[in-house]
Amino acid sequence: MPHISIGVPFHNVEEYLPQCLESIIDQTFTDFEVIMVDDGSTDGSFEICQKYVAKDSRFKLFYQENGGVAKARNNCLRHMTGDFITWIDSDD
Protein backbone atom coordinates (compact mmCIF):
# COMPACT_ATOMS: atom_id res chain seq x y z
CA MET A 1 0.00 0.00 0.00
CA PRO A 2 1.44 3.40 -0.96
CA HIS A 3 2.00 6.05 1.65
CA ILE A 4 0.35 8.82 -0.40
CA SER A 5 -2.48 8.74 -2.95
CA ILE A 6 -2.52 11.60 -5.41
CA GLY A 7 -5.85 12.33 -7.07
CA VAL A 8 -5.84 13.94 -10.52
CA PRO A 9 -9.36 14.50 -11.87
CA PHE A 10 -9.33 15.99 -15.35
CA HIS A 11 -11.47 17.11 -18.26
CA ASN A 12 -10.10 18.34 -21.61
CA VAL A 13 -6.66 19.48 -20.43
CA GLU A 14 -4.36 17.86 -22.98
CA GLU A 15 -2.37 21.12 -23.25
CA TYR A 16 -1.37 21.01 -19.55
CA LEU A 17 -1.53 17.34 -18.63
CA PRO A 18 1.97 16.18 -19.64
CA GLN A 19 3.64 18.90 -17.60
CA CYS A 20 1.42 18.11 -14.61
CA LEU A 21 2.15 14.38 -14.73
CA GLU A 22 5.87 14.90 -15.34
CA SER A 23 6.04 17.11 -12.25
CA ILE A 24 4.64 14.20 -10.23
CA ILE A 25 7.12 11.69 -11.69
CA ASP A 26 10.02 14.06 -11.01
CA GLN A 27 9.42 14.09 -7.25
CA THR A 28 12.19 12.65 -5.08
CA PHE A 29 9.59 10.99 -2.83
CA THR A 30 8.46 7.81 -4.60
CA ASP A 31 6.05 6.02 -2.25
CA PHE A 32 2.85 7.19 -3.92
CA GLU A 33 0.12 6.22 -6.36
CA VAL A 34 -1.57 8.51 -8.86
CA ILE A 35 -5.29 8.02 -9.41
CA MET A 36 -6.37 9.80 -12.58
CA VAL A 37 -10.06 10.11 -13.43
CA ASP A 38 -11.10 11.33 -16.87
CA ASP A 39 -14.37 13.21 -16.53
CA GLY A 40 -15.55 12.60 -20.09
CA SER A 41 -12.78 14.36 -22.01
CA THR A 42 -13.25 14.82 -25.74
CA ASP A 43 -9.65 15.82 -26.51
CA GLY A 44 -6.49 13.68 -26.22
CA SER A 45 -6.27 13.77 -22.41
CA PHE A 46 -7.22 10.12 -21.91
CA GLU A 47 -4.60 8.94 -24.42
CA ILE A 48 -1.91 11.02 -22.71
CA CYS A 49 -2.74 9.37 -19.38
CA GLN A 50 -2.66 5.91 -20.96
CA LYS A 51 1.01 6.50 -21.81
CA TYR A 52 1.80 7.21 -18.17
CA VAL A 53 -0.05 4.11 -17.03
CA ALA A 54 1.99 2.06 -19.51
CA LYS A 55 5.34 3.39 -18.31
CA ASP A 56 4.78 3.67 -14.53
CA SER A 57 2.79 1.17 -12.46
CA ARG A 58 2.04 3.82 -9.81
CA PHE A 59 -0.33 5.52 -12.28
CA LYS A 60 -3.92 4.26 -12.55
CA LEU A 61 -6.51 5.60 -14.97
CA PHE A 62 -10.30 5.52 -14.77
CA TYR A 63 -12.98 6.96 -17.03
CA GLN A 64 -16.43 8.32 -16.23
CA GLU A 65 -19.08 10.10 -18.25
CA ASN A 66 -18.89 13.85 -17.72
CA GLY A 67 -20.32 14.59 -14.29
CA GLY A 68 -18.17 17.39 -12.91
CA VAL A 69 -15.11 17.69 -10.75
CA ALA A 70 -16.87 16.67 -7.50
CA LYS A 71 -17.98 13.39 -9.04
CA ALA A 72 -14.49 12.83 -10.45
CA ARG A 73 -12.90 13.47 -7.03
CA ASN A 74 -15.30 11.02 -5.42
CA ASN A 75 -14.36 8.48 -8.07
CA CYS A 76 -10.69 9.06 -7.23
CA LEU A 77 -11.43 8.46 -3.56
CA ARG A 78 -12.99 5.07 -4.35
CA HIS A 79 -9.73 3.87 -5.87
CA MET A 80 -7.21 5.40 -3.45
CA THR A 81 -5.32 3.03 -1.15
CA GLY A 82 -2.69 5.31 0.45
CA ASP A 83 -2.35 6.30 4.07
CA PHE A 84 -2.77 9.97 3.09
CA ILE A 85 -4.41 11.68 0.13
CA THR A 86 -3.73 14.86 -1.78
CA TRP A 87 -5.07 16.48 -4.92
CA ILE A 88 -3.36 17.99 -7.93
CA ASP A 89 -5.32 20.01 -10.46
CA SER A 90 -4.50 18.80 -13.94
CA ASP A 91 -3.95 22.32 -15.27
CA ASP A 92 -1.42 23.26 -12.56
PDB file of N, CA and C in Angstrom:
ATOM      1  N   MET A   1       0.853  -1.181   0.000  1.00  0.00           N
ATOM      2  CA  MET A   1       0.000   0.000   0.000  1.00  0.00           C
ATOM      3  C   MET A   1       0.894   1.237   0.000  1.00  0.00           C
ATOM      4  N   PRO A   2       0.620   2.187  -0.899  1.00  0.00           N
ATOM      5  CA  PRO A   2       1.437   3.401  -0.955  1.00  0.00           C
ATOM      6  C   PRO A   2       1.173   4.310   0.244  1.00  0.00           C
ATOM      7  N   HIS A   3       2.145   5.117   0.539  1.00  0.00           N
ATOM      8  CA  HIS A   3       1.998   6.054   1.647  1.00  0.00           C
ATOM      9  C   HIS A   3       1.062   7.206   1.273  1.00  0.00           C
ATOM     10  N   ILE A   4       1.158   7.678   0.040  1.00  0.00           N
ATOM     11  CA  ILE A   4       0.348   8.821  -0.396  1.00  0.00           C
ATOM     12  C   ILE A   4      -0.398   8.472  -1.681  1.00  0.00           C
ATOM     13  N   SER A   5      -1.670   8.831  -1.726  1.00  0.00           N
ATOM     14  CA  SER A   5      -2.478   8.735  -2.946  1.00  0.00           C
ATOM     15  C   SER A   5      -2.677  10.141  -3.481  1.00  0.00           C
ATOM     16  N   ILE A   6      -2.372  10.308  -4.753  1.00  0.00           N
ATOM     17  CA  ILE A   6      -2.518  11.604  -5.412  1.00  0.00           C
ATOM     18  C   ILE A   6      -3.683  11.506  -6.390  1.00  0.00           C
ATOM     19  N   GLY A   7      -4.697  12.312  -6.190  1.00  0.00           N
ATOM     20  CA  GLY A   7      -5.850  12.326  -7.074  1.00  0.00           C
ATOM     21  C   GLY A   7      -5.705  13.402  -8.139  1.00  0.00           C
ATOM     22  N   VAL A   8      -5.923  13.001  -9.398  1.00  0.00           N
ATOM     23  CA  VAL A   8      -5.838  13.945 -10.517  1.00  0.00           C
ATOM     24  C   VAL A   8      -7.099  13.798 -11.367  1.00  0.00           C
ATOM     25  N   PRO A   9      -8.182  14.493 -10.994  1.00  0.00           N
ATOM     26  CA  PRO A   9      -9.364  14.498 -11.867  1.00  0.00           C
ATOM     27  C   PRO A   9      -9.105  15.452 -13.035  1.00  0.00           C
ATOM     28  N   PHE A  10      -9.596  15.106 -14.217  1.00  0.00           N
ATOM     29  CA  PHE A  10      -9.327  15.987 -15.350  1.00  0.00           C
ATOM     30  C   PHE A  10     -10.433  15.930 -16.393  1.00  0.00           C
ATOM     31  N   HIS A  11     -10.511  17.009 -17.168  1.00  0.00           N
ATOM     32  CA  HIS A  11     -11.467  17.113 -18.264  1.00  0.00           C
ATOM     33  C   HIS A  11     -10.893  18.065 -19.304  1.00  0.00           C
ATOM     34  N   ASN A  12     -10.573  17.538 -20.482  1.00  0.00           N
ATOM     35  CA  ASN A  12     -10.098  18.345 -21.614  1.00  0.00           C
ATOM     36  C   ASN A  12      -8.933  19.271 -21.257  1.00  0.00           C
ATOM     37  N   VAL A  13      -7.834  18.685 -20.797  1.00  0.00           N
ATOM     38  CA  VAL A  13      -6.657  19.480 -20.427  1.00  0.00           C
ATOM     39  C   VAL A  13      -5.391  18.957 -21.105  1.00  0.00           C
ATOM     40  N   GLU A  14      -5.517  18.457 -22.323  1.00  0.00           N
ATOM     41  CA  GLU A  14      -4.356  17.861 -22.985  1.00  0.00           C
ATOM     42  C   GLU A  14      -3.181  18.838 -23.095  1.00  0.00           C
ATOM     43  N   GLU A  15      -3.447  20.122 -23.143  1.00  0.00           N
ATOM     44  CA  GLU A  15      -2.371  21.115 -23.248  1.00  0.00           C
ATOM     45  C   GLU A  15      -1.498  21.144 -21.995  1.00  0.00           C
ATOM     46  N   TYR A  16      -2.079  20.893 -20.831  1.00  0.00           N
ATOM     47  CA  TYR A  16      -1.370  21.014 -19.554  1.00  0.00           C
ATOM     48  C   TYR A  16      -0.989  19.674 -18.935  1.00  0.00           C
ATOM     49  N   LEU A  17      -1.653  18.633 -19.306  1.00  0.00           N
ATOM     50  CA  LEU A  17      -1.529  17.341 -18.625  1.00  0.00           C
ATOM     51  C   LEU A  17      -0.121  16.762 -18.609  1.00  0.00           C
ATOM     52  N   PRO A  18       0.618  16.752 -19.709  1.00  0.00           N
ATOM     53  CA  PRO A  18       1.969  16.177 -19.644  1.00  0.00           C
ATOM     54  C   PRO A  18       2.862  16.868 -18.620  1.00  0.00           C
ATOM     55  N   GLN A  19       2.816  18.183 -18.566  1.00  0.00           N
ATOM     56  CA  GLN A  19       3.640  18.901 -17.595  1.00  0.00           C
ATOM     57  C   GLN A  19       3.221  18.568 -16.167  1.00  0.00           C
ATOM     58  N   CYS A  20       1.928  18.466 -15.936  1.00  0.00           N
ATOM     59  CA  CYS A  20       1.421  18.108 -14.610  1.00  0.00           C
ATOM     60  C   CYS A  20       1.921  16.731 -14.191  1.00  0.00           C
ATOM     61  N   LEU A  21       1.770  15.750 -15.062  1.00  0.00           N
ATOM     62  CA  LEU A  21       2.154  14.376 -14.726  1.00  0.00           C
ATOM     63  C   LEU A  21       3.665  14.225 -14.614  1.00  0.00           C
ATOM     64  N   GLU A  22       4.410  14.932 -15.447  1.00  0.00           N
ATOM     65  CA  GLU A  22       5.869  14.898 -15.340  1.00  0.00           C
ATOM     66  C   GLU A  22       6.331  15.488 -14.012  1.00  0.00           C
ATOM     67  N   SER A  23       5.653  16.518 -13.535  1.00  0.00           N
ATOM     68  CA  SER A  23       6.036  17.109 -12.247  1.00  0.00           C
ATOM     69  C   SER A  23       5.828  16.114 -11.108  1.00  0.00           C
ATOM     70  N   ILE A  24       4.859  15.237 -11.238  1.00  0.00           N
ATOM     71  CA  ILE A  24       4.644  14.203 -10.225  1.00  0.00           C
ATOM     72  C   ILE A  24       5.760  13.157 -10.305  1.00  0.00           C
ATOM     73  N   ILE A  25       6.066  12.696 -11.514  1.00  0.00           N
ATOM     74  CA  ILE A  25       7.119  11.692 -11.691  1.00  0.00           C
ATOM     75  C   ILE A  25       8.465  12.209 -11.193  1.00  0.00           C
ATOM     76  N   ASP A  26       8.723  13.484 -11.366  1.00  0.00           N
ATOM     77  CA  ASP A  26      10.024  14.060 -11.012  1.00  0.00           C
ATOM     78  C   ASP A  26      10.245  14.246  -9.514  1.00  0.00           C
ATOM     79  N   GLN A  27       9.266  13.939  -8.695  1.00  0.00           N
ATOM     80  CA  GLN A  27       9.421  14.086  -7.251  1.00  0.00           C
ATOM     81  C   GLN A  27      10.484  13.117  -6.724  1.00  0.00           C
ATOM     82  N   THR A  28      11.199  13.538  -5.681  1.00  0.00           N
ATOM     83  CA  THR A  28      12.189  12.646  -5.076  1.00  0.00           C
ATOM     84  C   THR A  28      11.522  11.615  -4.169  1.00  0.00           C
ATOM     85  N   PHE A  29      10.364  11.941  -3.622  1.00  0.00           N
ATOM     86  CA  PHE A  29       9.588  10.988  -2.834  1.00  0.00           C
ATOM     87  C   PHE A  29       8.882  10.048  -3.807  1.00  0.00           C
ATOM     88  N   THR A  30       8.985   8.756  -3.601  1.00  0.00           N
ATOM     89  CA  THR A  30       8.465   7.814  -4.596  1.00  0.00           C
ATOM     90  C   THR A  30       7.363   6.881  -4.085  1.00  0.00           C
ATOM     91  N   ASP A  31       7.030   6.951  -2.809  1.00  0.00           N
ATOM     92  CA  ASP A  31       6.046   6.024  -2.246  1.00  0.00           C
ATOM     93  C   ASP A  31       4.632   6.596  -2.397  1.00  0.00           C
ATOM     94  N   PHE A  32       4.167   6.636  -3.647  1.00  0.00           N
ATOM     95  CA  PHE A  32       2.848   7.190  -3.919  1.00  0.00           C
ATOM     96  C   PHE A  32       2.188   6.449  -5.072  1.00  0.00           C
ATOM     97  N   GLU A  33       0.880   6.662  -5.189  1.00  0.00           N
ATOM     98  CA  GLU A  33       0.120   6.224  -6.355  1.00  0.00           C
ATOM     99  C   GLU A  33      -0.590   7.448  -6.915  1.00  0.00           C
ATOM    100  N   VAL A  34      -0.866   7.415  -8.203  1.00  0.00           N
ATOM    101  CA  VAL A  34      -1.570   8.512  -8.859  1.00  0.00           C
ATOM    102  C   VAL A  34      -2.863   7.943  -9.436  1.00  0.00           C
ATOM    103  N   ILE A  35      -3.974   8.452  -8.941  1.00  0.00           N
ATOM    104  CA  ILE A  35      -5.286   8.023  -9.412  1.00  0.00           C
ATOM    105  C   ILE A  35      -5.839   9.122 -10.314  1.00  0.00           C
ATOM    106  N   MET A  36      -5.901   8.826 -11.600  1.00  0.00           N
ATOM    107  CA  MET A  36      -6.372   9.800 -12.582  1.00  0.00           C
ATOM    108  C   MET A  36      -7.786   9.407 -13.012  1.00  0.00           C
ATOM    109  N   VAL A  37      -8.690  10.364 -12.987  1.00  0.00           N
ATOM    110  CA  VAL A  37     -10.061  10.111 -13.428  1.00  0.00           C
ATOM    111  C   VAL A  37     -10.403  11.095 -14.535  1.00  0.00           C
ATOM    112  N   ASP A  38     -10.683  10.539 -15.710  1.00  0.00           N
ATOM    113  CA  ASP A  38     -11.099  11.330 -16.865  1.00  0.00           C
ATOM    114  C   ASP A  38     -12.600  11.566 -16.759  1.00  0.00           C
ATOM    115  N   ASP A  39     -12.968  12.831 -16.661  1.00  0.00           N
ATOM    116  CA  ASP A  39     -14.372  13.214 -16.530  1.00  0.00           C
ATOM    117  C   ASP A  39     -14.979  13.490 -17.911  1.00  0.00           C
ATOM    118  N   GLY A  40     -14.909  12.497 -18.783  1.00  0.00           N
ATOM    119  CA  GLY A  40     -15.549  12.601 -20.089  1.00  0.00           C
ATOM    120  C   GLY A  40     -14.848  13.500 -21.083  1.00  0.00           C
ATOM    121  N   SER A  41     -13.528  13.506 -21.081  1.00  0.00           N
ATOM    122  CA  SER A  41     -12.778  14.360 -22.010  1.00  0.00           C
ATOM    123  C   SER A  41     -13.073  13.997 -23.462  1.00  0.00           C
ATOM    124  N   THR A  42     -13.045  15.025 -24.304  1.00  0.00           N
ATOM    125  CA  THR A  42     -13.253  14.821 -25.740  1.00  0.00           C
ATOM    126  C   THR A  42     -12.002  15.171 -26.535  1.00  0.00           C
ATOM    127  N   ASP A  43     -10.918  15.531 -25.838  1.00  0.00           N
ATOM    128  CA  ASP A  43      -9.651  15.821 -26.506  1.00  0.00           C
ATOM    129  C   ASP A  43      -8.716  14.613 -26.311  1.00  0.00           C
ATOM    130  N   GLY A  44      -7.437  14.793 -26.341  1.00  0.00           N
ATOM    131  CA  GLY A  44      -6.491  13.684 -26.221  1.00  0.00           C
ATOM    132  C   GLY A  44      -6.018  13.407 -24.806  1.00  0.00           C
ATOM    133  N   SER A  45      -6.702  13.934 -23.803  1.00  0.00           N
ATOM    134  CA  SER A  45      -6.269  13.770 -22.413  1.00  0.00           C
ATOM    135  C   SER A  45      -6.190  12.304 -21.984  1.00  0.00           C
ATOM    136  N   PHE A  46      -7.198  11.521 -22.321  1.00  0.00           N
ATOM    137  CA  PHE A  46      -7.222  10.116 -21.912  1.00  0.00           C
ATOM    138  C   PHE A  46      -6.019   9.366 -22.495  1.00  0.00           C
ATOM    139  N   GLU A  47      -5.714   9.611 -23.756  1.00  0.00           N
ATOM    140  CA  GLU A  47      -4.602   8.936 -24.420  1.00  0.00           C
ATOM    141  C   GLU A  47      -3.261   9.321 -23.789  1.00  0.00           C
ATOM    142  N   ILE A  48      -3.130  10.577 -23.397  1.00  0.00           N
ATOM    143  CA  ILE A  48      -1.908  11.016 -22.711  1.00  0.00           C
ATOM    144  C   ILE A  48      -1.735  10.225 -21.421  1.00  0.00           C
ATOM    145  N   CYS A  49      -2.806  10.090 -20.653  1.00  0.00           N
ATOM    146  CA  CYS A  49      -2.735   9.368 -19.385  1.00  0.00           C
ATOM    147  C   CYS A  49      -2.443   7.884 -19.592  1.00  0.00           C
ATOM    148  N   GLN A  50      -2.945   7.310 -20.671  1.00  0.00           N
ATOM    149  CA  GLN A  50      -2.665   5.909 -20.961  1.00  0.00           C
ATOM    150  C   GLN A  50      -1.166   5.671 -21.104  1.00  0.00           C
ATOM    151  N   LYS A  51      -0.445   6.625 -21.660  1.00  0.00           N
ATOM    152  CA  LYS A  51       1.008   6.495 -21.814  1.00  0.00           C
ATOM    153  C   LYS A  51       1.702   6.447 -20.455  1.00  0.00           C
ATOM    154  N   TYR A  52       1.207   7.220 -19.509  1.00  0.00           N
ATOM    155  CA  TYR A  52       1.803   7.214 -18.168  1.00  0.00           C
ATOM    156  C   TYR A  52       1.493   5.912 -17.434  1.00  0.00           C
ATOM    157  N   VAL A  53       0.314   5.396 -17.628  1.00  0.00           N
ATOM    158  CA  VAL A  53      -0.050   4.106 -17.030  1.00  0.00           C
ATOM    159  C   VAL A  53       0.860   3.010 -17.581  1.00  0.00           C
ATOM    160  N   ALA A  54       1.159   3.078 -18.873  1.00  0.00           N
ATOM    161  CA  ALA A  54       1.992   2.059 -19.514  1.00  0.00           C
ATOM    162  C   ALA A  54       3.444   2.111 -19.035  1.00  0.00           C
ATOM    163  N   LYS A  55       3.925   3.291 -18.677  1.00  0.00           N
ATOM    164  CA  LYS A  55       5.339   3.390 -18.308  1.00  0.00           C
ATOM    165  C   LYS A  55       5.602   3.421 -16.806  1.00  0.00           C
ATOM    166  N   ASP A  56       4.567   3.582 -15.978  1.00  0.00           N
ATOM    167  CA  ASP A  56       4.777   3.672 -14.531  1.00  0.00           C
ATOM    168  C   ASP A  56       3.601   3.024 -13.810  1.00  0.00           C
ATOM    169  N   SER A  57       3.866   1.945 -13.106  1.00  0.00           N
ATOM    170  CA  SER A  57       2.795   1.173 -12.457  1.00  0.00           C
ATOM    171  C   SER A  57       2.123   1.922 -11.311  1.00  0.00           C
ATOM    172  N   ARG A  58       2.674   3.032 -10.873  1.00  0.00           N
ATOM    173  CA  ARG A  58       2.035   3.825  -9.811  1.00  0.00           C
ATOM    174  C   ARG A  58       0.853   4.628 -10.340  1.00  0.00           C
ATOM    175  N   PHE A  59       0.733   4.748 -11.653  1.00  0.00           N
ATOM    176  CA  PHE A  59      -0.334   5.520 -12.276  1.00  0.00           C
ATOM    177  C   PHE A  59      -1.495   4.615 -12.646  1.00  0.00           C
ATOM    178  N   LYS A  60      -2.696   5.018 -12.241  1.00  0.00           N
ATOM    179  CA  LYS A  60      -3.916   4.264 -12.550  1.00  0.00           C
ATOM    180  C   LYS A  60      -4.921   5.224 -13.178  1.00  0.00           C
ATOM    181  N   LEU A  61      -5.622   4.746 -14.192  1.00  0.00           N
ATOM    182  CA  LEU A  61      -6.512   5.600 -14.970  1.00  0.00           C
ATOM    183  C   LEU A  61      -7.922   5.033 -14.994  1.00  0.00           C
ATOM    184  N   PHE A  62      -8.888   5.904 -14.757  1.00  0.00           N
ATOM    185  CA  PHE A  62     -10.299   5.524 -14.768  1.00  0.00           C
ATOM    186  C   PHE A  62     -11.065   6.548 -15.602  1.00  0.00           C
ATOM    187  N   TYR A  63     -12.154   6.100 -16.183  1.00  0.00           N
ATOM    188  CA  TYR A  63     -12.982   6.963 -17.029  1.00  0.00           C
ATOM    189  C   TYR A  63     -14.387   7.022 -16.457  1.00  0.00           C
ATOM    190  N   GLN A  64     -15.018   8.177 -16.567  1.00  0.00           N
ATOM    191  CA  GLN A  64     -16.431   8.318 -16.228  1.00  0.00           C
ATOM    192  C   GLN A  64     -17.061   9.272 -17.227  1.00  0.00           C
ATOM    193  N   GLU A  65     -18.343   9.118 -17.446  1.00  0.00           N
ATOM    194  CA  GLU A  65     -19.080  10.101 -18.250  1.00  0.00           C
ATOM    195  C   GLU A  65     -18.988  11.442 -17.538  1.00  0.00           C
ATOM    196  N   ASN A  66     -19.023  12.525 -18.300  1.00  0.00           N
ATOM    197  CA  ASN A  66     -18.887  13.852 -17.723  1.00  0.00           C
ATOM    198  C   ASN A  66     -19.921  14.085 -16.634  1.00  0.00           C
ATOM    199  N   GLY A  67     -19.430  14.359 -15.419  1.00  0.00           N
ATOM    200  CA  GLY A  67     -20.318  14.586 -14.289  1.00  0.00           C
ATOM    201  C   GLY A  67     -19.833  15.695 -13.379  1.00  0.00           C
ATOM    202  N   GLY A  68     -18.700  16.304 -13.725  1.00  0.00           N
ATOM    203  CA  GLY A  68     -18.170  17.393 -12.914  1.00  0.00           C
ATOM    204  C   GLY A  68     -17.034  16.962 -12.012  1.00  0.00           C
ATOM    205  N   VAL A  69     -16.315  17.965 -11.530  1.00  0.00           N
ATOM    206  CA  VAL A  69     -15.110  17.693 -10.750  1.00  0.00           C
ATOM    207  C   VAL A  69     -15.422  17.001  -9.416  1.00  0.00           C
ATOM    208  N   ALA A  70     -16.535  17.314  -8.782  1.00  0.00           N
ATOM    209  CA  ALA A  70     -16.867  16.670  -7.504  1.00  0.00           C
ATOM    210  C   ALA A  70     -17.077  15.165  -7.698  1.00  0.00           C
ATOM    211  N   LYS A  71     -17.772  14.802  -8.747  1.00  0.00           N
ATOM    212  CA  LYS A  71     -17.979  13.385  -9.040  1.00  0.00           C
ATOM    213  C   LYS A  71     -16.648  12.698  -9.372  1.00  0.00           C
ATOM    214  N   ALA A  72     -15.788  13.388 -10.106  1.00  0.00           N
ATOM    215  CA  ALA A  72     -14.485  12.832 -10.449  1.00  0.00           C
ATOM    216  C   ALA A  72     -13.620  12.662  -9.201  1.00  0.00           C
ATOM    217  N   ARG A  73     -13.664  13.606  -8.288  1.00  0.00           N
ATOM    218  CA  ARG A  73     -12.902  13.472  -7.031  1.00  0.00           C
ATOM    219  C   ARG A  73     -13.430  12.306  -6.206  1.00  0.00           C
ATOM    220  N   ASN A  74     -14.732  12.152  -6.142  1.00  0.00           N
ATOM    221  CA  ASN A  74     -15.298  11.017  -5.416  1.00  0.00           C
ATOM    222  C   ASN A  74     -14.890   9.701  -6.054  1.00  0.00           C
ATOM    223  N   ASN A  75     -14.814   9.672  -7.374  1.00  0.00           N
ATOM    224  CA  ASN A  75     -14.359   8.476  -8.073  1.00  0.00           C
ATOM    225  C   ASN A  75     -12.897   8.199  -7.733  1.00  0.00           C
ATOM    226  N   CYS A  76     -12.077   9.230  -7.665  1.00  0.00           N
ATOM    227  CA  CYS A  76     -10.686   9.055  -7.229  1.00  0.00           C
ATOM    228  C   CYS A  76     -10.637   8.414  -5.846  1.00  0.00           C
ATOM    229  N   LEU A  77     -11.428   8.955  -4.938  1.00  0.00           N
ATOM    230  CA  LEU A  77     -11.429   8.456  -3.560  1.00  0.00           C
ATOM    231  C   LEU A  77     -11.744   6.963  -3.486  1.00  0.00           C
ATOM    232  N   ARG A  78     -12.625   6.495  -4.348  1.00  0.00           N
ATOM    233  CA  ARG A  78     -12.992   5.073  -4.352  1.00  0.00           C
ATOM    234  C   ARG A  78     -11.811   4.165  -4.682  1.00  0.00           C
ATOM    235  N   HIS A  79     -10.844   4.695  -5.407  1.00  0.00           N
ATOM    236  CA  HIS A  79      -9.726   3.872  -5.866  1.00  0.00           C
ATOM    237  C   HIS A  79      -8.435   4.109  -5.085  1.00  0.00           C
ATOM    238  N   MET A  80      -8.424   5.079  -4.195  1.00  0.00           N
ATOM    239  CA  MET A  80      -7.208   5.403  -3.446  1.00  0.00           C
ATOM    240  C   MET A  80      -6.953   4.382  -2.342  1.00  0.00           C
ATOM    241  N   THR A  81      -5.679   4.014  -2.178  1.00  0.00           N
ATOM    242  CA  THR A  81      -5.319   3.032  -1.150  1.00  0.00           C
ATOM    243  C   THR A  81      -4.244   3.546  -0.206  1.00  0.00           C
ATOM    244  N   GLY A  82      -3.777   4.775  -0.372  1.00  0.00           N
ATOM    245  CA  GLY A  82      -2.693   5.309   0.447  1.00  0.00           C
ATOM    246  C   GLY A  82      -3.120   5.672   1.857  1.00  0.00           C
ATOM    247  N   ASP A  83      -2.120   5.870   2.694  1.00  0.00           N
ATOM    248  CA  ASP A  83      -2.355   6.304   4.073  1.00  0.00           C
ATOM    249  C   ASP A  83      -2.853   7.750   4.116  1.00  0.00           C
ATOM    250  N   PHE A  84      -2.389   8.560   3.189  1.00  0.00           N
ATOM    251  CA  PHE A  84      -2.767   9.968   3.088  1.00  0.00           C
ATOM    252  C   PHE A  84      -3.180  10.252   1.656  1.00  0.00           C
ATOM    253  N   ILE A  85      -4.007  11.291   1.479  1.00  0.00           N
ATOM    254  CA  ILE A  85      -4.407  11.678   0.128  1.00  0.00           C
ATOM    255  C   ILE A  85      -4.101  13.142  -0.113  1.00  0.00           C
ATOM    256  N   THR A  86      -3.908  13.469  -1.365  1.00  0.00           N
ATOM    257  CA  THR A  86      -3.729  14.859  -1.783  1.00  0.00           C
ATOM    258  C   THR A  86      -4.300  14.988  -3.191  1.00  0.00           C
ATOM    259  N   TRP A  87      -4.491  16.210  -3.597  1.00  0.00           N
ATOM    260  CA  TRP A  87      -5.072  16.480  -4.916  1.00  0.00           C
ATOM    261  C   TRP A  87      -4.135  17.367  -5.721  1.00  0.00           C
ATOM    262  N   ILE A  88      -4.092  17.129  -7.014  1.00  0.00           N
ATOM    263  CA  ILE A  88      -3.361  17.991  -7.932  1.00  0.00           C
ATOM    264  C   ILE A  88      -4.308  18.317  -9.069  1.00  0.00           C
ATOM    265  N   ASP A  89      -4.501  19.601  -9.323  1.00  0.00           N
ATOM    266  CA  ASP A  89      -5.321  20.015 -10.460  1.00  0.00           C
ATOM    267  C   ASP A  89      -4.534  19.785 -11.737  1.00  0.00           C
ATOM    268  N   SER A  90      -5.174  19.202 -12.702  1.00  0.00           N
ATOM    269  CA  SER A  90      -4.500  18.801 -13.944  1.00  0.00           C
ATOM    270  C   SER A  90      -3.972  19.969 -14.765  1.00  0.00           C
ATOM    271  N   ASP A  91      -4.448  21.169 -14.513  1.00  0.00           N
ATOM    272  CA  ASP A  91      -3.955  22.321 -15.270  1.00  0.00           C
ATOM    273  C   ASP A  91      -2.951  23.145 -14.460  1.00  0.00           C
ATOM    274  N   ASP A  92      -2.460  22.583 -13.366  1.00  0.00           N
ATOM    275  CA  ASP A  92      -1.422  23.256 -12.565  1.00  0.00           C
ATOM    276  C   ASP A  92      -0.045  22.810 -13.003  1.00  0.00           C
TER     277      ASP A  92
END
